[in-house]
Structure formats: structure tokens, C-alpha cells
Amino acid sequence: MTFTVTHEERDGGGTHLRLVGELDMSTAPALNAVIDRLVAAGERRLLVDLGELTFCDSTGIAALVRGDNRAAVDGGWLRVTGATGSVQRVLSLTGIDEVLGCGPDTPLPGVADRPVMG
């Protein structure tokens, strides 16, 4: 399955990223590159929609945490939403769901919202 990352600016600020496919050792560099470009361009609030992600391994988890750390350097954050099935299970088992404030029914946060930390 092909992995894609698309993104668009959200009304009022921030960026919404949409991941499709499998996030693993071979595809995580593509996500890292997009996050690096966005943060370098001044984006600090990144919402990552995992609704169409079918698989996520430890390298994918590391990419999400790295993205949050990268945005946090300048007072921002990365938050994930929409995870289901095996992706939600991996996030839950690793505790990343609490760190990044994610859940299958987490609403899209407002621009000024800070991720809820468990």
C-alpha cells in the first residue's frame, strides 16, 4: 500500500496533516520531511489525522514523537486524532495516546487549544 502525507492550513492557523497507508521504517522519513518543512516555515500547531492509517510500527511512533518535540521547541505541539483498529491499539499499548492526546473520537482542536495530556 502506498503511503501519503497531505497537509493544508486550517482556518485561523495551524496545519492539518492526513496520513494514508502504513507508517513504518520505510515511510517515516517522508513524514519527518513534511514536519521539518512545516516547522521550518513557522508552523507550530500540527494536527495529524490517522483515520486512514492502516499500520504503525515503532519507527512511526518515533516519527510522531519527534514531530511533537520539534514543534514544542518553539512553543507548539503535534496532536493526533482519528486512530482506529490496530493503529489505536499500538498507540494505547505504548502510551503515546496519552502523550499526544489522541483517541478515535478526539475532536479536532481549536487553534488555541493545547493537547490534553491524559
PDB file of N, CA and C in Angstrom:
ATOM      1  N   MET A   1       0.838  -1.174   0.000  1.00  0.00           N
ATOM      2  CA  MET A   1       0.000   0.000   0.000  1.00  0.00           C
ATOM      3  C   MET A   1       0.888   1.243   0.000  1.00  0.00           C
ATOM      4  N   THR A   2       0.507   2.212  -0.760  1.00  0.00           N
ATOM      5  CA  THR A   2       1.239   3.464  -0.863  1.00  0.00           C
ATOM      6  C   THR A   2       0.969   4.336   0.354  1.00  0.00           C
ATOM      7  N   PHE A   3       2.013   4.961   0.856  1.00  0.00           N
ATOM      8  CA  PHE A   3       1.888   5.891   1.973  1.00  0.00           C
ATOM      9  C   PHE A   3       1.883   7.305   1.420  1.00  0.00           C
ATOM     10  N   THR A   4       0.944   8.116   1.903  1.00  0.00           N
ATOM     11  CA  THR A   4       0.920   9.523   1.509  1.00  0.00           C
ATOM     12  C   THR A   4       0.711  10.402   2.729  1.00  0.00           C
ATOM     13  N   VAL A   5       1.282  11.596   2.647  1.00  0.00           N
ATOM     14  CA  VAL A   5       1.075  12.645   3.646  1.00  0.00           C
ATOM     15  C   VAL A   5       0.596  13.862   2.878  1.00  0.00           C
ATOM     16  N   THR A   6      -0.587  14.322   3.221  1.00  0.00           N
ATOM     17  CA  THR A   6      -1.067  15.574   2.650  1.00  0.00           C
ATOM     18  C   THR A   6      -1.282  16.543   3.794  1.00  0.00           C
ATOM     19  N   HIS A   7      -1.246  17.825   3.487  1.00  0.00           N
ATOM     20  CA  HIS A   7      -1.468  18.814   4.540  1.00  0.00           C
ATOM     21  C   HIS A   7      -2.114  20.048   3.962  1.00  0.00           C
ATOM     22  N   GLU A   8      -2.817  20.747   4.842  1.00  0.00           N
ATOM     23  CA  GLU A   8      -3.441  22.013   4.471  1.00  0.00           C
ATOM     24  C   GLU A   8      -3.520  22.892   5.700  1.00  0.00           C
ATOM     25  N   GLU A   9      -3.499  24.186   5.469  1.00  0.00           N
ATOM     26  CA  GLU A   9      -3.643  25.120   6.573  1.00  0.00           C
ATOM     27  C   GLU A   9      -5.066  25.074   7.066  1.00  0.00           C
ATOM     28  N   ARG A  10      -5.216  25.216   8.378  1.00  0.00           N
ATOM     29  CA  ARG A  10      -6.546  25.262   8.984  1.00  0.00           C
ATOM     30  C   ARG A  10      -6.959  26.714   9.118  1.00  0.00           C
ATOM     31  N   ASP A  11      -8.258  26.959   9.032  1.00  0.00           N
ATOM     32  CA  ASP A  11      -8.770  28.310   9.240  1.00  0.00           C
ATOM     33  C   ASP A  11      -8.294  28.830  10.585  1.00  0.00           C
ATOM     34  N   GLY A  12      -7.728  29.998  10.605  1.00  0.00           N
ATOM     35  CA  GLY A  12      -7.268  30.608  11.839  1.00  0.00           C
ATOM     36  C   GLY A  12      -5.872  30.197  12.257  1.00  0.00           C
ATOM     37  N   GLY A  13      -5.231  29.304  11.534  1.00  0.00           N
ATOM     38  CA  GLY A  13      -3.868  28.904  11.853  1.00  0.00           C
ATOM     39  C   GLY A  13      -3.730  27.423  12.113  1.00  0.00           C
ATOM     40  N   GLY A  14      -2.515  26.971  12.163  1.00  0.00           N
ATOM     41  CA  GLY A  14      -2.245  25.553  12.344  1.00  0.00           C
ATOM     42  C   GLY A  14      -2.332  24.798  11.034  1.00  0.00           C
ATOM     43  N   THR A  15      -1.879  23.566  11.073  1.00  0.00           N
ATOM     44  CA  THR A  15      -1.867  22.735   9.878  1.00  0.00           C
ATOM     45  C   THR A  15      -2.470  21.377  10.177  1.00  0.00           C
ATOM     46  N   HIS A  16      -3.286  20.902   9.265  1.00  0.00           N
ATOM     47  CA  HIS A  16      -3.914  19.593   9.362  1.00  0.00           C
ATOM     48  C   HIS A  16      -3.184  18.658   8.393  1.00  0.00           C
ATOM     49  N   LEU A  17      -2.584  17.596   8.935  1.00  0.00           N
ATOM     50  CA  LEU A  17      -1.919  16.591   8.111  1.00  0.00           C
ATOM     51  C   LEU A  17      -2.792  15.351   8.060  1.00  0.00           C
ATOM     52  N   ARG A  18      -2.833  14.696   6.918  1.00  0.00           N
ATOM     53  CA  ARG A  18      -3.600  13.465   6.758  1.00  0.00           C
ATOM     54  C   ARG A  18      -2.659  12.376   6.273  1.00  0.00           C
ATOM     55  N   LEU A  19      -2.578  11.278   7.060  1.00  0.00           N
ATOM     56  CA  LEU A  19      -1.720  10.151   6.698  1.00  0.00           C
ATOM     57  C   LEU A  19      -2.589   9.025   6.146  1.00  0.00           C
ATOM     58  N   VAL A  20      -2.140   8.437   5.049  1.00  0.00           N
ATOM     59  CA  VAL A  20      -2.858   7.328   4.425  1.00  0.00           C
ATOM     60  C   VAL A  20      -1.866   6.198   4.178  1.00  0.00           C
ATOM     61  N   GLY A  21      -2.235   4.977   4.575  1.00  0.00           N
ATOM     62  CA  GLY A  21      -1.388   3.818   4.312  1.00  0.00           C
ATOM     63  C   GLY A  21      -0.705   3.305   5.559  1.00  0.00           C
ATOM     64  N   GLU A  22       0.560   2.935   5.417  1.00  0.00           N
ATOM     65  CA  GLU A  22       1.331   2.342   6.505  1.00  0.00           C
ATOM     66  C   GLU A  22       2.495   3.249   6.886  1.00  0.00           C
ATOM     67  N   LEU A  23       2.583   3.534   8.180  1.00  0.00           N
ATOM     68  CA  LEU A  23       3.679   4.364   8.696  1.00  0.00           C
ATOM     69  C   LEU A  23       4.672   3.430   9.366  1.00  0.00           C
ATOM     70  N   ASP A  24       5.812   3.245   8.706  1.00  0.00           N
ATOM     71  CA  ASP A  24       6.805   2.296   9.204  1.00  0.00           C
ATOM     72  C   ASP A  24       8.210   2.786   8.859  1.00  0.00           C
ATOM     73  N   MET A  25       9.179   1.909   9.015  1.00  0.00           N
ATOM     74  CA  MET A  25      10.580   2.265   8.792  1.00  0.00           C
ATOM     75  C   MET A  25      10.826   2.845   7.394  1.00  0.00           C
ATOM     76  N   SER A  26      10.107   2.357   6.405  1.00  0.00           N
ATOM     77  CA  SER A  26      10.353   2.841   5.043  1.00  0.00           C
ATOM     78  C   SER A  26       9.601   4.134   4.721  1.00  0.00           C
ATOM     79  N   THR A  27       8.551   4.464   5.486  1.00  0.00           N
ATOM     80  CA  THR A  27       7.753   5.653   5.168  1.00  0.00           C
ATOM     81  C   THR A  27       7.904   6.796   6.182  1.00  0.00           C
ATOM     82  N   ALA A  28       8.401   6.498   7.371  1.00  0.00           N
ATOM     83  CA  ALA A  28       8.563   7.537   8.398  1.00  0.00           C
ATOM     84  C   ALA A  28       9.424   8.711   7.915  1.00  0.00           C
ATOM     85  N   PRO A  29      10.480   8.479   7.129  1.00  0.00           N
ATOM     86  CA  PRO A  29      11.258   9.626   6.654  1.00  0.00           C
ATOM     87  C   PRO A  29      10.426  10.636   5.848  1.00  0.00           C
ATOM     88  N   ALA A  30       9.416  10.172   5.136  1.00  0.00           N
ATOM     89  CA  ALA A  30       8.552  11.094   4.387  1.00  0.00           C
ATOM     90  C   ALA A  30       7.759  11.976   5.349  1.00  0.00           C
ATOM     91  N   LEU A  31       7.250  11.398   6.428  1.00  0.00           N
ATOM     92  CA  LEU A  31       6.530  12.188   7.429  1.00  0.00           C
ATOM     93  C   LEU A  31       7.483  13.168   8.107  1.00  0.00           C
ATOM     94  N   ASN A  32       8.672  12.703   8.485  1.00  0.00           N
ATOM     95  CA  ASN A  32       9.665  13.583   9.107  1.00  0.00           C
ATOM     96  C   ASN A  32       9.978  14.773   8.210  1.00  0.00           C
ATOM     97  N   ALA A  33      10.126  14.529   6.923  1.00  0.00           N
ATOM     98  CA  ALA A  33      10.462  15.604   5.982  1.00  0.00           C
ATOM     99  C   ALA A  33       9.353  16.647   5.905  1.00  0.00           C
ATOM    100  N   VAL A  34       8.103  16.196   5.868  1.00  0.00           N
ATOM    101  CA  VAL A  34       6.980  17.140   5.815  1.00  0.00           C
ATOM    102  C   VAL A  34       6.925  17.960   7.095  1.00  0.00           C
ATOM    103  N   ILE A  35       7.049  17.298   8.244  1.00  0.00           N
ATOM    104  CA  ILE A  35       7.016  18.019   9.519  1.00  0.00           C
ATOM    105  C   ILE A  35       8.169  19.017   9.603  1.00  0.00           C
ATOM    106  N   ASP A  36       9.359  18.611   9.190  1.00  0.00           N
ATOM    107  CA  ASP A  36      10.518  19.516   9.212  1.00  0.00           C
ATOM    108  C   ASP A  36      10.268  20.753   8.357  1.00  0.00           C
ATOM    109  N   ARG A  37       9.717  20.557   7.164  1.00  0.00           N
ATOM    110  CA  ARG A  37       9.426  21.698   6.275  1.00  0.00           C
ATOM    111  C   ARG A  37       8.393  22.632   6.898  1.00  0.00           C
ATOM    112  N   LEU A  38       7.334  22.048   7.476  1.00  0.00           N
ATOM    113  CA  LEU A  38       6.282  22.873   8.066  1.00  0.00           C
ATOM    114  C   LEU A  38       6.802  23.682   9.252  1.00  0.00           C
ATOM    115  N   VAL A  39       7.552  23.038  10.129  1.00  0.00           N
ATOM    116  CA  VAL A  39       8.087  23.733  11.307  1.00  0.00           C
ATOM    117  C   VAL A  39       9.094  24.803  10.882  1.00  0.00           C
ATOM    118  N   ALA A  40       9.921  24.494   9.894  1.00  0.00           N
ATOM    119  CA  ALA A  40      10.879  25.482   9.392  1.00  0.00           C
ATOM    120  C   ALA A  40      10.169  26.687   8.787  1.00  0.00           C
ATOM    121  N   ALA A  41       8.963  26.457   8.261  1.00  0.00           N
ATOM    122  CA  ALA A  41       8.177  27.547   7.675  1.00  0.00           C
ATOM    123  C   ALA A  41       7.364  28.310   8.719  1.00  0.00           C
ATOM    124  N   GLY A  42       7.489  27.913   9.989  1.00  0.00           N
ATOM    125  CA  GLY A  42       6.819  28.648  11.051  1.00  0.00           C
ATOM    126  C   GLY A  42       5.574  28.003  11.630  1.00  0.00           C
ATOM    127  N   GLU A  43       5.197  26.838  11.129  1.00  0.00           N
ATOM    128  CA  GLU A  43       4.022  26.151  11.691  1.00  0.00           C
ATOM    129  C   GLU A  43       4.377  25.568  13.045  1.00  0.00           C
ATOM    130  N   ARG A  44       3.513  25.744  14.019  1.00  0.00           N
ATOM    131  CA  ARG A  44       3.777  25.235  15.369  1.00  0.00           C
ATOM    132  C   ARG A  44       2.666  24.332  15.885  1.00  0.00           C
ATOM    133  N   ARG A  45       1.502  24.355  15.244  1.00  0.00           N
ATOM    134  CA  ARG A  45       0.366  23.535  15.670  1.00  0.00           C
ATOM    135  C   ARG A  45       0.033  22.556  14.557  1.00  0.00           C
ATOM    136  N   LEU A  46       0.366  21.299  14.802  1.00  0.00           N
ATOM    137  CA  LEU A  46       0.190  20.264  13.780  1.00  0.00           C
ATOM    138  C   LEU A  46      -0.819  19.231  14.264  1.00  0.00           C
ATOM    139  N   LEU A  47      -1.917  19.098  13.540  1.00  0.00           N
ATOM    140  CA  LEU A  47      -2.917  18.089  13.841  1.00  0.00           C
ATOM    141  C   LEU A  47      -2.782  16.983  12.803  1.00  0.00           C
ATOM    142  N   VAL A  48      -2.514  15.757  13.258  1.00  0.00           N
ATOM    143  CA  VAL A  48      -2.267  14.638  12.354  1.00  0.00           C
ATOM    144  C   VAL A  48      -3.449  13.680  12.418  1.00  0.00           C
ATOM    145  N   ASP A  49      -4.152  13.559  11.305  1.00  0.00           N
ATOM    146  CA  ASP A  49      -5.316  12.681  11.188  1.00  0.00           C
ATOM    147  C   ASP A  49      -4.845  11.287  10.783  1.00  0.00           C
ATOM    148  N   LEU A  50      -5.096  10.300  11.657  1.00  0.00           N
ATOM    149  CA  LEU A  50      -4.675   8.915  11.421  1.00  0.00           C
ATOM    150  C   LEU A  50      -5.828   8.031  10.965  1.00  0.00           C
ATOM    151  N   GLY A  51      -6.942   8.611  10.599  1.00  0.00           N
ATOM    152  CA  GLY A  51      -8.131   7.853  10.238  1.00  0.00           C
ATOM    153  C   GLY A  51      -7.941   6.872   9.091  1.00  0.00           C
ATOM    154  N   GLU A  52      -7.001   7.157   8.195  1.00  0.00           N
ATOM    155  CA  GLU A  52      -6.760   6.269   7.063  1.00  0.00           C
ATOM    156  C   GLU A  52      -5.405   5.574   7.152  1.00  0.00           C
ATOM    157  N   LEU A  53      -4.803   5.608   8.336  1.00  0.00           N
ATOM    158  CA  LEU A  53      -3.551   4.887   8.561  1.00  0.00           C
ATOM    159  C   LEU A  53      -3.904   3.448   8.925  1.00  0.00           C
ATOM    160  N   THR A  54      -3.332   2.491   8.223  1.00  0.00           N
ATOM    161  CA  THR A  54      -3.675   1.086   8.442  1.00  0.00           C
ATOM    162  C   THR A  54      -2.655   0.340   9.282  1.00  0.00           C
ATOM    163  N   PHE A  55      -1.475   0.921   9.472  1.00  0.00           N
ATOM    164  CA  PHE A  55      -0.416   0.266  10.228  1.00  0.00           C
ATOM    165  C   PHE A  55       0.542   1.323  10.742  1.00  0.00           C
ATOM    166  N   CYS A  56       1.073   1.089  11.940  1.00  0.00           N
ATOM    167  CA  CYS A  56       2.084   1.982  12.508  1.00  0.00           C
ATOM    168  C   CYS A  56       3.015   1.156  13.378  1.00  0.00           C
ATOM    169  N   ASP A  57       4.315   1.176  13.062  1.00  0.00           N
ATOM    170  CA  ASP A  57       5.288   0.446  13.872  1.00  0.00           C
ATOM    171  C   ASP A  57       6.039   1.424  14.781  1.00  0.00           C
ATOM    172  N   SER A  58       7.066   0.924  15.450  1.00  0.00           N
ATOM    173  CA  SER A  58       7.804   1.755  16.404  1.00  0.00           C
ATOM    174  C   SER A  58       8.485   2.936  15.728  1.00  0.00           C
ATOM    175  N   THR A  59       8.890   2.779  14.482  1.00  0.00           N
ATOM    176  CA  THR A  59       9.505   3.898  13.765  1.00  0.00           C
ATOM    177  C   THR A  59       8.474   4.983  13.494  1.00  0.00           C
ATOM    178  N   GLY A  60       7.252   4.576  13.210  1.00  0.00           N
ATOM    179  CA  GLY A  60       6.166   5.533  13.018  1.00  0.00           C
ATOM    180  C   GLY A  60       5.850   6.280  14.302  1.00  0.00           C
ATOM    181  N   ILE A  61       5.813   5.547  15.412  1.00  0.00           N
ATOM    182  CA  ILE A  61       5.591   6.171  16.720  1.00  0.00           C
ATOM    183  C   ILE A  61       6.698   7.196  16.983  1.00  0.00           C
ATOM    184  N   ALA A  62       7.937   6.800  16.713  1.00  0.00           N
ATOM    185  CA  ALA A  62       9.072   7.703  16.926  1.00  0.00           C
ATOM    186  C   ALA A  62       8.936   8.961  16.068  1.00  0.00           C
ATOM    187  N   ALA A  63       8.440   8.833  14.847  1.00  0.00           N
ATOM    188  CA  ALA A  63       8.263   9.998  13.970  1.00  0.00           C
ATOM    189  C   ALA A  63       7.229  10.963  14.548  1.00  0.00           C
ATOM    190  N   LEU A  64       6.156  10.429  15.122  1.00  0.00           N
ATOM    191  CA  LEU A  64       5.130  11.282  15.724  1.00  0.00           C
ATOM    192  C   LEU A  64       5.682  12.008  16.955  1.00  0.00           C
ATOM    193  N   VAL A  65       6.410  11.290  17.793  1.00  0.00           N
ATOM    194  CA  VAL A  65       7.008  11.907  18.988  1.00  0.00           C
ATOM    195  C   VAL A  65       8.044  12.947  18.570  1.00  0.00           C
ATOM    196  N   ARG A  66       8.848  12.615  17.573  1.00  0.00           N
ATOM    197  CA  ARG A  66       9.852  13.556  17.063  1.00  0.00           C
ATOM    198  C   ARG A  66       9.172  14.827  16.562  1.00  0.00           C
ATOM    199  N   GLY A  67       8.058  14.666  15.857  1.00  0.00           N
ATOM    200  CA  GLY A  67       7.322  15.821  15.351  1.00  0.00           C
ATOM    201  C   GLY A  67       6.814  16.709  16.475  1.00  0.00           C
ATOM    202  N   ASP A  68       6.302  16.082  17.541  1.00  0.00           N
ATOM    203  CA  ASP A  68       5.832  16.848  18.689  1.00  0.00           C
ATOM    204  C   ASP A  68       6.994  17.591  19.333  1.00  0.00           C
ATOM    205  N   ASN A  69       8.114  16.915  19.509  1.00  0.00           N
ATOM    206  CA  ASN A  69       9.295  17.552  20.104  1.00  0.00           C
ATOM    207  C   ASN A  69       9.783  18.709  19.242  1.00  0.00           C
ATOM    208  N   ARG A  70       9.776  18.508  17.942  1.00  0.00           N
ATOM    209  CA  ARG A  70      10.234  19.547  17.003  1.00  0.00           C
ATOM    210  C   ARG A  70       9.362  20.792  17.108  1.00  0.00           C
ATOM    211  N   ALA A  71       8.031  20.592  17.133  1.00  0.00           N
ATOM    212  CA  ALA A  71       7.114  21.729  17.241  1.00  0.00           C
ATOM    213  C   ALA A  71       7.203  22.384  18.619  1.00  0.00           C
ATOM    214  N   ALA A  72       7.422  21.583  19.662  1.00  0.00           N
ATOM    215  CA  ALA A  72       7.447  22.095  21.033  1.00  0.00           C
ATOM    216  C   ALA A  72       8.633  23.015  21.301  1.00  0.00           C
ATOM    217  N   VAL A  73       9.701  22.870  20.541  1.00  0.00           N
ATOM    218  CA  VAL A  73      10.876  23.728  20.733  1.00  0.00           C
ATOM    219  C   VAL A  73      10.478  25.200  20.643  1.00  0.00           C
ATOM    220  N   ASP A  74       9.520  25.501  19.782  1.00  0.00           N
ATOM    221  CA  ASP A  74       9.076  26.888  19.616  1.00  0.00           C
ATOM    222  C   ASP A  74       7.680  27.113  20.175  1.00  0.00           C
ATOM    223  N   GLY A  75       7.297  26.311  21.188  1.00  0.00           N
ATOM    224  CA  GLY A  75       6.021  26.522  21.855  1.00  0.00           C
ATOM    225  C   GLY A  75       4.827  25.889  21.178  1.00  0.00           C
ATOM    226  N   GLY A  76       5.046  25.011  20.237  1.00  0.00           N
ATOM    227  CA  GLY A  76       3.941  24.386  19.526  1.00  0.00           C
ATOM    228  C   GLY A  76       3.646  22.980  20.002  1.00  0.00           C
ATOM    229  N   TRP A  77       2.919  22.241  19.190  1.00  0.00           N
ATOM    230  CA  TRP A  77       2.565  20.871  19.518  1.00  0.00           C
ATOM    231  C   TRP A  77       2.171  20.095  18.264  1.00  0.00           C
ATOM    232  N   LEU A  78       2.210  18.785  18.400  1.00  0.00           N
ATOM    233  CA  LEU A  78       1.670  17.863  17.403  1.00  0.00           C
ATOM    234  C   LEU A  78       0.650  17.023  18.152  1.00  0.00           C
ATOM    235  N   ARG A  79      -0.535  16.929  17.600  1.00  0.00           N
ATOM    236  CA  ARG A  79      -1.608  16.146  18.199  1.00  0.00           C
ATOM    237  C   ARG A  79      -2.155  15.208  17.139  1.00  0.00           C
ATOM    238  N   VAL A  80      -2.474  13.988  17.546  1.00  0.00           N
ATOM    239  CA  VAL A  80      -3.033  13.031  16.604  1.00  0.00           C
ATOM    240  C   VAL A  80      -4.489  12.761  16.933  1.00  0.00           C
ATOM    241  N   THR A  81      -5.243  12.411  15.905  1.00  0.00           N
ATOM    242  CA  THR A  81      -6.658  12.120  16.055  1.00  0.00           C
ATOM    243  C   THR A  81      -7.069  11.076  15.027  1.00  0.00           C
ATOM    244  N   GLY A  82      -8.187  10.423  15.285  1.00  0.00           N
ATOM    245  CA  GLY A  82      -8.783   9.525  14.306  1.00  0.00           C
ATOM    246  C   GLY A  82      -8.240   8.116  14.246  1.00  0.00           C
ATOM    247  N   ALA A  83      -7.308   7.744  15.108  1.00  0.00           N
ATOM    248  CA  ALA A  83      -6.734   6.394  15.062  1.00  0.00           C
ATOM    249  C   ALA A  83      -7.803   5.352  15.380  1.00  0.00           C
ATOM    250  N   THR A  84      -7.781   4.255  14.643  1.00  0.00           N
ATOM    251  CA  THR A  84      -8.720   3.165  14.869  1.00  0.00           C
ATOM    252  C   THR A  84      -7.986   1.836  14.758  1.00  0.00           C
ATOM    253  N   GLY A  85      -8.644   0.773  15.143  1.00  0.00           N
ATOM    254  CA  GLY A  85      -8.132  -0.577  14.956  1.00  0.00           C
ATOM    255  C   GLY A  85      -6.758  -0.799  15.533  1.00  0.00           C
ATOM    256  N   SER A  86      -5.909  -1.455  14.736  1.00  0.00           N
ATOM    257  CA  SER A  86      -4.572  -1.812  15.208  1.00  0.00           C
ATOM    258  C   SER A  86      -3.704  -0.581  15.471  1.00  0.00           C
ATOM    259  N   VAL A  87      -3.931   0.494  14.747  1.00  0.00           N
ATOM    260  CA  VAL A  87      -3.153   1.723  14.987  1.00  0.00           C
ATOM    261  C   VAL A  87      -3.499   2.276  16.366  1.00  0.00           C
ATOM    262  N   GLN A  88      -4.780   2.336  16.704  1.00  0.00           N
ATOM    263  CA  GLN A  88      -5.173   2.814  18.029  1.00  0.00           C
ATOM    264  C   GLN A  88      -4.615   1.894  19.107  1.00  0.00           C
ATOM    265  N   ARG A  89      -4.622   0.592  18.860  1.00  0.00           N
ATOM    266  CA  ARG A  89      -4.103  -0.357  19.850  1.00  0.00           C
ATOM    267  C   ARG A  89      -2.612  -0.121  20.118  1.00  0.00           C
ATOM    268  N   VAL A  90      -1.833   0.088  19.065  1.00  0.00           N
ATOM    269  CA  VAL A  90      -0.398   0.354  19.228  1.00  0.00           C
ATOM    270  C   VAL A  90      -0.184   1.655  20.004  1.00  0.00           C
ATOM    271  N   LEU A  91      -0.941   2.684  19.667  1.00  0.00           N
ATOM    272  CA  LEU A  91      -0.802   3.953  20.378  1.00  0.00           C
ATOM    273  C   LEU A  91      -1.155   3.796  21.856  1.00  0.00           C
ATOM    274  N   SER A  92      -2.177   3.022  22.125  1.00  0.00           N
ATOM    275  CA  SER A  92      -2.598   2.793  23.503  1.00  0.00           C
ATOM    276  C   SER A  92      -1.581   1.955  24.275  1.00  0.00           C
ATOM    277  N   LEU A  93      -1.096   0.869  23.673  1.00  0.00           N
ATOM    278  CA  LEU A  93      -0.133  -0.005  24.338  1.00  0.00           C
ATOM    279  C   LEU A  93       1.174   0.711  24.666  1.00  0.00           C
ATOM    280  N   THR A  94       1.574   1.626  23.803  1.00  0.00           N
ATOM    281  CA  THR A  94       2.828   2.342  24.012  1.00  0.00           C
ATOM    282  C   THR A  94       2.667   3.572  24.900  1.00  0.00           C
ATOM    283  N   GLY A  95       1.430   3.971  25.170  1.00  0.00           N
ATOM    284  CA  GLY A  95       1.178   5.152  25.986  1.00  0.00           C
ATOM    285  C   GLY A  95       1.221   6.453  25.204  1.00  0.00           C
ATOM    286  N   ILE A  96       1.456   6.371  23.908  1.00  0.00           N
ATOM    287  CA  ILE A  96       1.533   7.578  23.081  1.00  0.00           C
ATOM    288  C   ILE A  96       0.175   8.263  23.007  1.00  0.00           C
ATOM    289  N   ASP A  97      -0.906   7.494  23.136  1.00  0.00           N
ATOM    290  CA  ASP A  97      -2.229   8.110  23.110  1.00  0.00           C
ATOM    291  C   ASP A  97      -2.382   9.145  24.219  1.00  0.00           C
ATOM    292  N   GLU A  98      -1.759   8.901  25.365  1.00  0.00           N
ATOM    293  CA  GLU A  98      -1.819   9.866  26.458  1.00  0.00           C
ATOM    294  C   GLU A  98      -0.869  11.042  26.224  1.00  0.00           C
ATOM    295  N   VAL A  99       0.288  10.771  25.679  1.00  0.00           N
ATOM    296  CA  VAL A  99       1.282  11.822  25.444  1.00  0.00           C
ATOM    297  C   VAL A  99       0.808  12.807  24.383  1.00  0.00           C
ATOM    298  N   LEU A 100       0.237  12.286  23.296  1.00  0.00           N
ATOM    299  CA  LEU A 100      -0.185  13.145  22.188  1.00  0.00           C
ATOM    300  C   LEU A 100      -1.674  13.456  22.208  1.00  0.00           C
ATOM    301  N   GLY A 101      -2.375  13.045  23.270  1.00  0.00           N
ATOM    302  CA  GLY A 101      -3.779  13.404  23.425  1.00  0.00           C
ATOM    303  C   GLY A 101      -4.667  12.893  22.324  1.00  0.00           C
ATOM    304  N   CYS A 102      -4.480  11.645  21.926  1.00  0.00           N
ATOM    305  CA  CYS A 102      -5.243  11.145  20.800  1.00  0.00           C
ATOM    306  C   CYS A 102      -6.318  10.162  21.231  1.00  0.00           C
ATOM    307  N   GLY A 103      -7.219   9.902  20.333  1.00  0.00           N
ATOM    308  CA  GLY A 103      -8.261   8.915  20.531  1.00  0.00           C
ATOM    309  C   GLY A 103      -9.079   8.829  19.265  1.00  0.00           C
ATOM    310  N   PRO A 104      -9.818   7.738  19.091  1.00  0.00           N
ATOM    311  CA  PRO A 104     -10.584   7.584  17.855  1.00  0.00           C
ATOM    312  C   PRO A 104     -11.661   8.642  17.686  1.00  0.00           C
ATOM    313  N   ASP A 105     -12.148   9.201  18.789  1.00  0.00           N
ATOM    314  CA  ASP A 105     -13.197  10.203  18.683  1.00  0.00           C
ATOM    315  C   ASP A 105     -12.769  11.561  19.223  1.00  0.00           C
ATOM    316  N   THR A 106     -11.462  11.803  19.269  1.00  0.00           N
ATOM    317  CA  THR A 106     -10.956  13.102  19.701  1.00  0.00           C
ATOM    318  C   THR A 106     -11.377  14.151  18.673  1.00  0.00           C
ATOM    319  N   PRO A 107     -12.049  15.203  19.112  1.00  0.00           N
ATOM    320  CA  PRO A 107     -12.442  16.241  18.159  1.00  0.00           C
ATOM    321  C   PRO A 107     -11.229  17.025  17.687  1.00  0.00           C
ATOM    322  N   LEU A 108     -11.359  17.634  16.535  1.00  0.00           N
ATOM    323  CA  LEU A 108     -10.294  18.497  16.051  1.00  0.00           C
ATOM    324  C   LEU A 108     -10.177  19.675  16.997  1.00  0.00           C
ATOM    325  N   PRO A 109      -8.986  19.921  17.522  1.00  0.00           N
ATOM    326  CA  PRO A 109      -8.831  21.014  18.476  1.00  0.00           C
ATOM    327  C   PRO A 109      -8.892  22.363  17.791  1.00  0.00           C
ATOM    328  N   GLY A 110      -9.309  23.359  18.559  1.00  0.00           N
ATOM    329  CA  GLY A 110      -9.246  24.720  18.069  1.00  0.00           C
ATOM    330  C   GLY A 110      -7.795  25.151  17.981  1.00  0.00           C
ATOM    331  N   VAL A 111      -7.543  26.190  17.259  1.00  0.00           N
ATOM    332  CA  VAL A 111      -6.178  26.647  17.045  1.00  0.00           C
ATOM    333  C   VAL A 111      -5.471  26.958  18.349  1.00  0.00           C
ATOM    334  N   ALA A 112      -6.171  27.529  19.312  1.00  0.00           N
ATOM    335  CA  ALA A 112      -5.534  27.927  20.558  1.00  0.00           C
ATOM    336  C   ALA A 112      -5.431  26.776  21.555  1.00  0.00           C
ATOM    337  N   ASP A 113      -6.062  25.649  21.257  1.00  0.00           N
ATOM    338  CA  ASP A 113      -6.056  24.525  22.197  1.00  0.00           C
ATOM    339  C   ASP A 113      -4.682  23.896  22.306  1.00  0.00           C
ATOM    340  N   ARG A 114      -4.345  23.527  23.509  1.00  0.00           N
ATOM    341  CA  ARG A 114      -3.130  22.758  23.773  1.00  0.00           C
ATOM    342  C   ARG A 114      -3.575  21.313  23.938  1.00  0.00           C
ATOM    343  N   PRO A 115      -2.838  20.347  23.462  1.00  0.00           N
ATOM    344  CA  PRO A 115      -3.259  18.959  23.605  1.00  0.00           C
ATOM    345  C   PRO A 115      -3.499  18.592  25.076  1.00  0.00           C
ATOM    346  N   VAL A 116      -4.524  17.808  25.292  1.00  0.00           N
ATOM    347  CA  VAL A 116      -4.814  17.306  26.623  1.00  0.00           C
ATOM    348  C   VAL A 116      -3.858  16.179  26.910  1.00  0.00           C
ATOM    349  N   MET A 117      -3.191  16.242  28.022  1.00  0.00           N
ATOM    350  CA  MET A 117      -2.213  15.216  28.391  1.00  0.00           C
ATOM    351  C   MET A 117      -2.820  14.293  29.432  1.00  0.00           C
ATOM    352  N   GLY A 118      -3.523  13.263  28.975  1.00  0.00           N
ATOM    353  CA  GLY A 118      -4.103  12.224  29.813  1.00  0.00           C
ATOM    354  C   GLY A 118      -4.785  12.728  30.962  1.00  0.00           C
TER     355      GLY A 118
END
